[in-house]
């Protein structure tokens, strides 16, 4: 990264988002920390199930001008299930998990005469959490899903080429699961969560974007 910045330095002063309509695509990778609860029942905290997650996010948006981009996003995160989560994992029982998010986001780039262009964003969407449990030939899974009410985002783009930028980001999402399902062998169940609760994800990492 340092070599790329050094090579691009002569042109960085003029770099920035294209000042014309077009398409922006981006990929994010980082780490996510859970807060809050899966539901309102005792012992069902999200952080009691997951220690964290490694998200990969793909974005595609329509760029109205050099400031404003609007479009969908998709996330798949490899969740780190804690030993002892729900009294199931560990002691010969293997657990894995994932967090899937889809939604719509709006990003606004500040108009600064600099190679580093700060931006902030808002998003809404839907989220699924999953836990898969296996021991020998036995397998079970549990999941919950619900609306993501708001995602607050902040970051910055460093333009290492006229159309390519990389930079840090941080985001904080607020969501609530409304339904849950599970399966064991050939038996499956699904129901609404009677005692829903709010949870949050704090994400941070790097964002790579390309403007068409």
C-alpha atoms as a PDB file:
ATOM      1  CA  UNK A   1       0.000   0.000   0.000  1.00  0.00           C
ATOM      2  CA  UNK A   2       2.848   2.410   0.843  1.00  0.00           C
ATOM      3  CA  UNK A   3       4.448   1.737  -2.548  1.00  0.00           C
ATOM      4  CA  UNK A   4       1.152   2.422  -4.314  1.00  0.00           C
ATOM      5  CA  UNK A   5       0.733   5.719  -2.472  1.00  0.00           C
ATOM      6  CA  UNK A   6       4.281   6.805  -3.239  1.00  0.00           C
ATOM      7  CA  UNK A   7       3.905   6.003  -6.941  1.00  0.00           C
ATOM      8  CA  UNK A   8       0.610   7.845  -7.169  1.00  0.00           C
ATOM      9  CA  UNK A   9       1.689  10.936  -5.166  1.00  0.00           C
ATOM     10  CA  UNK A  10       2.190  13.296  -8.169  1.00  0.00           C
ATOM     11  CA  UNK A  11      -1.442  12.890  -9.226  1.00  0.00           C
ATOM     12  CA  UNK A  12      -3.076  12.635  -5.792  1.00  0.00           C
ATOM     13  CA  UNK A  13      -3.676  16.381  -5.446  1.00  0.00           C
ATOM     14  CA  UNK A  14      -6.105  16.259  -8.356  1.00  0.00           C
ATOM     15  CA  UNK A  15      -7.682  12.939  -7.406  1.00  0.00           C
ATOM     16  CA  UNK A  16     -11.188  12.492  -6.076  1.00  0.00           C
ATOM     17  CA  UNK A  17     -14.579  11.039  -6.988  1.00  0.00           C
ATOM     18  CA  UNK A  18     -15.557  11.542 -10.647  1.00  0.00           C
ATOM     19  CA  UNK A  19     -17.743  14.623 -11.039  1.00  0.00           C
ATOM     20  CA  UNK A  20     -20.259  12.937 -13.327  1.00  0.00           C
ATOM     21  CA  UNK A  21     -22.996  10.291 -13.093  1.00  0.00           C
ATOM     22  CA  UNK A  22     -21.850   6.677 -13.146  1.00  0.00           C
ATOM     23  CA  UNK A  23     -21.537   3.477 -11.164  1.00  0.00           C
ATOM     24  CA  UNK A  24     -19.448   2.870  -8.051  1.00  0.00           C
ATOM     25  CA  UNK A  25     -18.584  -0.656  -6.928  1.00  0.00           C
ATOM     26  CA  UNK A  26     -16.791  -1.481  -3.688  1.00  0.00           C
ATOM     27  CA  UNK A  27     -15.656  -4.321  -1.459  1.00  0.00           C
ATOM     28  CA  UNK A  28     -15.189  -4.118   2.299  1.00  0.00           C
ATOM     29  CA  UNK A  29     -13.396  -6.475   4.647  1.00  0.00           C
ATOM     30  CA  UNK A  30     -12.888  -6.083   8.362  1.00  0.00           C
ATOM     31  CA  UNK A  31     -14.018  -7.243  11.768  1.00  0.00           C
ATOM     32  CA  UNK A  32     -17.386  -7.001  13.520  1.00  0.00           C
ATOM     33  CA  UNK A  33     -18.127  -6.927  17.259  1.00  0.00           C
ATOM     34  CA  UNK A  34     -21.641  -7.852  18.533  1.00  0.00           C
ATOM     35  CA  UNK A  35     -23.711  -6.084  21.166  1.00  0.00           C
ATOM     36  CA  UNK A  36     -27.237  -6.524  22.479  1.00  0.00           C
ATOM     37  CA  UNK A  37     -29.522  -9.552  22.503  1.00  0.00           C
ATOM     38  CA  UNK A  38     -30.926 -12.125  20.086  1.00  0.00           C
ATOM     39  CA  UNK A  39     -34.195 -11.907  22.016  1.00  0.00           C
ATOM     40  CA  UNK A  40     -35.384 -10.662  25.371  1.00  0.00           C
ATOM     41  CA  UNK A  41     -35.013 -13.976  27.201  1.00  0.00           C
ATOM     42  CA  UNK A  42     -32.322 -14.348  29.828  1.00  0.00           C
ATOM     43  CA  UNK A  43     -29.005 -15.706  28.520  1.00  0.00           C
ATOM     44  CA  UNK A  44     -29.716 -14.988  24.859  1.00  0.00           C
ATOM     45  CA  UNK A  45     -27.215 -12.204  24.301  1.00  0.00           C
ATOM     46  CA  UNK A  46     -25.646 -11.914  20.858  1.00  0.00           C
ATOM     47  CA  UNK A  47     -22.173 -11.559  22.385  1.00  0.00           C
ATOM     48  CA  UNK A  48     -22.818 -14.742  24.352  1.00  0.00           C
ATOM     49  CA  UNK A  49     -23.209 -16.605  21.066  1.00  0.00           C
ATOM     50  CA  UNK A  50     -20.578 -14.881  18.924  1.00  0.00           C
ATOM     51  CA  UNK A  51     -17.220 -13.455  19.938  1.00  0.00           C
ATOM     52  CA  UNK A  52     -17.076 -11.599  16.622  1.00  0.00           C
ATOM     53  CA  UNK A  53     -17.289 -11.999  12.865  1.00  0.00           C
ATOM     54  CA  UNK A  54     -15.227 -11.388   9.728  1.00  0.00           C
ATOM     55  CA  UNK A  55     -17.492  -9.662   7.183  1.00  0.00           C
ATOM     56  CA  UNK A  56     -17.069  -9.412   3.422  1.00  0.00           C
ATOM     57  CA  UNK A  57     -19.321  -6.741   1.909  1.00  0.00           C
ATOM     58  CA  UNK A  58     -20.046  -6.054  -1.772  1.00  0.00           C
ATOM     59  CA  UNK A  59     -21.573  -2.708  -2.759  1.00  0.00           C
ATOM     60  CA  UNK A  60     -22.886  -1.336  -6.057  1.00  0.00           C
ATOM     61  CA  UNK A  61     -24.329   2.143  -6.305  1.00  0.00           C
ATOM     62  CA  UNK A  62     -25.396   4.775  -8.778  1.00  0.00           C
ATOM     63  CA  UNK A  63     -23.271   7.925  -8.479  1.00  0.00           C
ATOM     64  CA  UNK A  64     -25.409  11.015  -9.080  1.00  0.00           C
ATOM     65  CA  UNK A  65     -22.422  13.361  -8.798  1.00  0.00           C
ATOM     66  CA  UNK A  66     -19.070  13.548  -6.966  1.00  0.00           C
ATOM     67  CA  UNK A  67     -20.915  13.689  -3.642  1.00  0.00           C
ATOM     68  CA  UNK A  68     -23.862  11.315  -3.568  1.00  0.00           C
ATOM     69  CA  UNK A  69     -24.099   7.553  -4.273  1.00  0.00           C
ATOM     70  CA  UNK A  70     -27.123   5.317  -3.675  1.00  0.00           C
ATOM     71  CA  UNK A  71     -27.319   1.554  -4.065  1.00  0.00           C
ATOM     72  CA  UNK A  72     -27.612  -1.938  -2.571  1.00  0.00           C
ATOM     73  CA  UNK A  73     -25.148  -3.922  -0.491  1.00  0.00           C
ATOM     74  CA  UNK A  74     -24.682  -7.587   0.402  1.00  0.00           C
ATOM     75  CA  UNK A  75     -22.682  -9.010   3.298  1.00  0.00           C
ATOM     76  CA  UNK A  76     -21.572 -12.492   4.223  1.00  0.00           C
ATOM     77  CA  UNK A  77     -19.685 -12.745   7.519  1.00  0.00           C
ATOM     78  CA  UNK A  78     -17.922 -15.748   9.002  1.00  0.00           C
ATOM     79  CA  UNK A  79     -19.084 -15.624  12.612  1.00  0.00           C
ATOM     80  CA  UNK A  80     -16.956 -16.920  15.476  1.00  0.00           C
ATOM     81  CA  UNK A  81     -19.242 -19.040  17.647  1.00  0.00           C
ATOM     82  CA  UNK A  82     -18.186 -19.190  21.284  1.00  0.00           C
ATOM     83  CA  UNK A  83     -17.552 -22.484  23.033  1.00  0.00           C
ATOM     84  CA  UNK A  84     -20.476 -23.119  25.311  1.00  0.00           C
ATOM     85  CA  UNK A  85     -22.833 -20.926  23.276  1.00  0.00           C
ATOM     86  CA  UNK A  86     -26.369 -21.938  24.176  1.00  0.00           C
ATOM     87  CA  UNK A  87     -24.931 -24.809  26.187  1.00  0.00           C
ATOM     88  CA  UNK A  88     -24.179 -26.680  22.950  1.00  0.00           C
ATOM     89  CA  UNK A  89     -20.752 -25.851  21.537  1.00  0.00           C
ATOM     90  CA  UNK A  90     -17.449 -27.311  22.672  1.00  0.00           C
ATOM     91  CA  UNK A  91     -16.637 -30.662  24.301  1.00  0.00           C
ATOM     92  CA  UNK A  92     -16.688 -32.531  20.990  1.00  0.00           C
ATOM     93  CA  UNK A  93     -19.515 -30.484  19.458  1.00  0.00           C
ATOM     94  CA  UNK A  94     -18.459 -28.355  16.484  1.00  0.00           C
ATOM     95  CA  UNK A  95     -20.221 -25.056  15.817  1.00  0.00           C
ATOM     96  CA  UNK A  96     -19.976 -22.567  12.983  1.00  0.00           C
ATOM     97  CA  UNK A  97     -21.951 -19.460  12.206  1.00  0.00           C
ATOM     98  CA  UNK A  98     -22.631 -16.724   9.714  1.00  0.00           C
ATOM     99  CA  UNK A  99     -24.210 -13.295   9.532  1.00  0.00           C
ATOM    100  CA  UNK A 100     -25.884 -12.285   6.257  1.00  0.00           C
ATOM    101  CA  UNK A 101     -27.075  -8.729   5.572  1.00  0.00           C
ATOM    102  CA  UNK A 102     -28.705  -7.141   2.531  1.00  0.00           C
ATOM    103  CA  UNK A 103     -29.975  -3.609   2.176  1.00  0.00           C
ATOM    104  CA  UNK A 104     -29.805  -0.159   0.672  1.00  0.00           C
ATOM    105  CA  UNK A 105     -27.279   2.544   1.550  1.00  0.00           C
ATOM    106  CA  UNK A 106     -26.605   6.178   0.704  1.00  0.00           C
ATOM    107  CA  UNK A 107     -23.058   7.578   0.834  1.00  0.00           C
ATOM    108  CA  UNK A 108     -22.084  11.250   0.758  1.00  0.00           C
ATOM    109  CA  UNK A 109     -18.516  12.345  -0.035  1.00  0.00           C
ATOM    110  CA  UNK A 110     -17.344  15.670   1.312  1.00  0.00           C
ATOM    111  CA  UNK A 111     -15.970  18.147  -1.213  1.00  0.00           C
ATOM    112  CA  UNK A 112     -12.372  18.635  -0.072  1.00  0.00           C
ATOM    113  CA  UNK A 113      -9.367  19.571  -2.211  1.00  0.00           C
ATOM    114  CA  UNK A 114      -7.425  16.619  -0.890  1.00  0.00           C
ATOM    115  CA  UNK A 115      -6.374  13.119  -1.890  1.00  0.00           C
ATOM    116  CA  UNK A 116      -8.155  11.868   1.242  1.00  0.00           C
ATOM    117  CA  UNK A 117     -11.913  12.301   0.773  1.00  0.00           C
ATOM    118  CA  UNK A 118     -14.037  11.712   3.905  1.00  0.00           C
ATOM    119  CA  UNK A 119     -17.526  10.302   3.519  1.00  0.00           C
ATOM    120  CA  UNK A 120     -20.456   9.340   5.694  1.00  0.00           C
ATOM    121  CA  UNK A 121     -23.462   7.138   5.026  1.00  0.00           C
ATOM    122  CA  UNK A 122     -26.773   5.734   6.168  1.00  0.00           C
ATOM    123  CA  UNK A 123     -28.278   2.330   5.461  1.00  0.00           C
ATOM    124  CA  UNK A 124     -31.292   0.117   6.123  1.00  0.00           C
ATOM    125  CA  UNK A 125     -31.724  -3.588   5.438  1.00  0.00           C
ATOM    126  CA  UNK A 126     -32.409  -7.108   6.648  1.00  0.00           C
ATOM    127  CA  UNK A 127     -30.207  -9.487   8.634  1.00  0.00           C
ATOM    128  CA  UNK A 128     -29.927 -13.246   9.187  1.00  0.00           C
ATOM    129  CA  UNK A 129     -27.857 -14.972  11.874  1.00  0.00           C
ATOM    130  CA  UNK A 130     -27.090 -18.681  11.638  1.00  0.00           C
ATOM    131  CA  UNK A 131     -25.495 -21.308  13.854  1.00  0.00           C
ATOM    132  CA  UNK A 132     -24.730 -24.831  12.606  1.00  0.00           C
ATOM    133  CA  UNK A 133     -24.012 -27.573  15.140  1.00  0.00           C
ATOM    134  CA  UNK A 134     -22.547 -31.004  14.387  1.00  0.00           C
ATOM    135  CA  UNK A 135     -21.370 -33.959  16.426  1.00  0.00           C
ATOM    136  CA  UNK A 136     -20.549 -37.183  14.652  1.00  0.00           C
ATOM    137  CA  UNK A 137     -23.395 -37.881  12.238  1.00  0.00           C
ATOM    138  CA  UNK A 138     -25.824 -35.570  14.046  1.00  0.00           C
ATOM    139  CA  UNK A 139     -26.444 -32.102  12.699  1.00  0.00           C
ATOM    140  CA  UNK A 140     -28.646 -29.231  13.792  1.00  0.00           C
ATOM    141  CA  UNK A 141     -29.005 -25.569  12.923  1.00  0.00           C
ATOM    142  CA  UNK A 142     -30.665 -22.479  14.314  1.00  0.00           C
ATOM    143  CA  UNK A 143     -31.243 -19.079  12.783  1.00  0.00           C
ATOM    144  CA  UNK A 144     -32.971 -15.777  13.433  1.00  0.00           C
ATOM    145  CA  UNK A 145     -33.739 -12.901  11.110  1.00  0.00           C
ATOM    146  CA  UNK A 146     -35.228  -9.441  11.167  1.00  0.00           C
ATOM    147  CA  UNK A 147     -34.994  -5.836  10.072  1.00  0.00           C
ATOM    148  CA  UNK A 148     -31.896  -3.703  10.325  1.00  0.00           C
ATOM    149  CA  UNK A 149     -33.364  -0.318  11.196  1.00  0.00           C
ATOM    150  CA  UNK A 150     -30.322   1.904  10.738  1.00  0.00           C
ATOM    151  CA  UNK A 151     -26.640   1.677   9.897  1.00  0.00           C
ATOM    152  CA  UNK A 152     -24.399   4.688  10.539  1.00  0.00           C
ATOM    153  CA  UNK A 153     -21.202   4.751   8.505  1.00  0.00           C
ATOM    154  CA  UNK A 154     -18.046   6.851   8.399  1.00  0.00           C
ATOM    155  CA  UNK A 155     -14.931   6.477   6.292  1.00  0.00           C
ATOM    156  CA  UNK A 156     -12.468   8.008   3.907  1.00  0.00           C
ATOM    157  CA  UNK A 157     -11.156   7.310   0.404  1.00  0.00           C
ATOM    158  CA  UNK A 158      -7.513   7.635  -0.599  1.00  0.00           C
ATOM    159  CA  UNK A 159      -7.343   7.860  -4.406  1.00  0.00           C
ATOM    160  CA  UNK A 160      -4.310   5.875  -5.520  1.00  0.00           C
ATOM    161  CA  UNK A 161      -5.526   6.129  -9.137  1.00  0.00           C
ATOM    162  CA  UNK A 162      -8.145   8.311 -10.878  1.00  0.00           C
ATOM    163  CA  UNK A 163     -10.846   5.636 -10.527  1.00  0.00           C
ATOM    164  CA  UNK A 164      -9.568   3.513  -7.645  1.00  0.00           C
ATOM    165  CA  UNK A 165      -9.587   4.330  -3.935  1.00  0.00           C
ATOM    166  CA  UNK A 166      -8.871   2.541  -0.681  1.00  0.00           C
ATOM    167  CA  UNK A 167      -9.457   3.677   2.846  1.00  0.00           C
ATOM    168  CA  UNK A 168     -10.752   2.916   6.341  1.00  0.00           C
ATOM    169  CA  UNK A 169     -14.369   2.638   7.419  1.00  0.00           C
ATOM    170  CA  UNK A 170     -16.360   2.167  10.601  1.00  0.00           C
ATOM    171  CA  UNK A 171     -20.070   1.398  10.876  1.00  0.00           C
ATOM    172  CA  UNK A 172     -22.631   0.810  13.602  1.00  0.00           C
ATOM    173  CA  UNK A 173     -25.894  -1.027  12.854  1.00  0.00           C
ATOM    174  CA  UNK A 174     -29.056  -1.311  14.939  1.00  0.00           C
ATOM    175  CA  UNK A 175     -31.378  -4.261  14.263  1.00  0.00           C
ATOM    176  CA  UNK A 176     -33.931  -6.614  15.800  1.00  0.00           C
ATOM    177  CA  UNK A 177     -34.687 -10.240  14.998  1.00  0.00           C
ATOM    178  CA  UNK A 178     -38.390 -10.964  14.576  1.00  0.00           C
ATOM    179  CA  UNK A 179     -38.456 -14.645  13.573  1.00  0.00           C
ATOM    180  CA  UNK A 180     -36.478 -17.769  14.407  1.00  0.00           C
ATOM    181  CA  UNK A 181     -36.162 -21.232  12.916  1.00  0.00           C
ATOM    182  CA  UNK A 182     -34.291 -24.438  13.601  1.00  0.00           C
ATOM    183  CA  UNK A 183     -33.752 -27.933  12.312  1.00  0.00           C
ATOM    184  CA  UNK A 184     -32.573 -31.263  13.685  1.00  0.00           C
ATOM    185  CA  UNK A 185     -32.412 -34.184  11.296  1.00  0.00           C
ATOM    186  CA  UNK A 186     -35.665 -34.224   9.338  1.00  0.00           C
ATOM    187  CA  UNK A 187     -37.487 -32.023  11.840  1.00  0.00           C
ATOM    188  CA  UNK A 188     -37.694 -28.264  11.386  1.00  0.00           C
ATOM    189  CA  UNK A 189     -39.482 -25.491  13.250  1.00  0.00           C
ATOM    190  CA  UNK A 190     -40.203 -21.826  12.605  1.00  0.00           C
ATOM    191  CA  UNK A 191     -41.896 -19.176  14.720  1.00  0.00           C
ATOM    192  CA  UNK A 192     -42.045 -15.496  15.534  1.00  0.00           C
ATOM    193  CA  UNK A 193     -39.928 -14.285  18.443  1.00  0.00           C
ATOM    194  CA  UNK A 194     -42.405 -13.410  21.184  1.00  0.00           C
ATOM    195  CA  UNK A 195     -39.965 -11.279  23.166  1.00  0.00           C
ATOM    196  CA  UNK A 196     -37.822  -9.420  20.601  1.00  0.00           C
ATOM    197  CA  UNK A 197     -34.832  -7.313  21.595  1.00  0.00           C
ATOM    198  CA  UNK A 198     -32.453  -4.881  19.931  1.00  0.00           C
ATOM    199  CA  UNK A 199     -28.881  -5.785  18.995  1.00  0.00           C
ATOM    200  CA  UNK A 200     -26.002  -3.951  17.334  1.00  0.00           C
ATOM    201  CA  UNK A 201     -22.892  -4.640  15.277  1.00  0.00           C
ATOM    202  CA  UNK A 202     -19.785  -2.451  15.297  1.00  0.00           C
ATOM    203  CA  UNK A 203     -17.714  -2.992  12.158  1.00  0.00           C
ATOM    204  CA  UNK A 204     -14.368  -1.549  11.099  1.00  0.00           C
ATOM    205  CA  UNK A 205     -11.872  -2.322   8.387  1.00  0.00           C
ATOM    206  CA  UNK A 206     -10.850  -1.379   4.850  1.00  0.00           C
ATOM    207  CA  UNK A 207     -12.959  -0.426   1.835  1.00  0.00           C
ATOM    208  CA  UNK A 208     -11.796  -0.742  -1.788  1.00  0.00           C
ATOM    209  CA  UNK A 209     -13.841   1.188  -4.365  1.00  0.00           C
ATOM    210  CA  UNK A 210     -13.797   1.563  -8.159  1.00  0.00           C
ATOM    211  CA  UNK A 211     -15.663   4.223 -10.150  1.00  0.00           C
ATOM    212  CA  UNK A 212     -17.013   3.492 -13.631  1.00  0.00           C
END
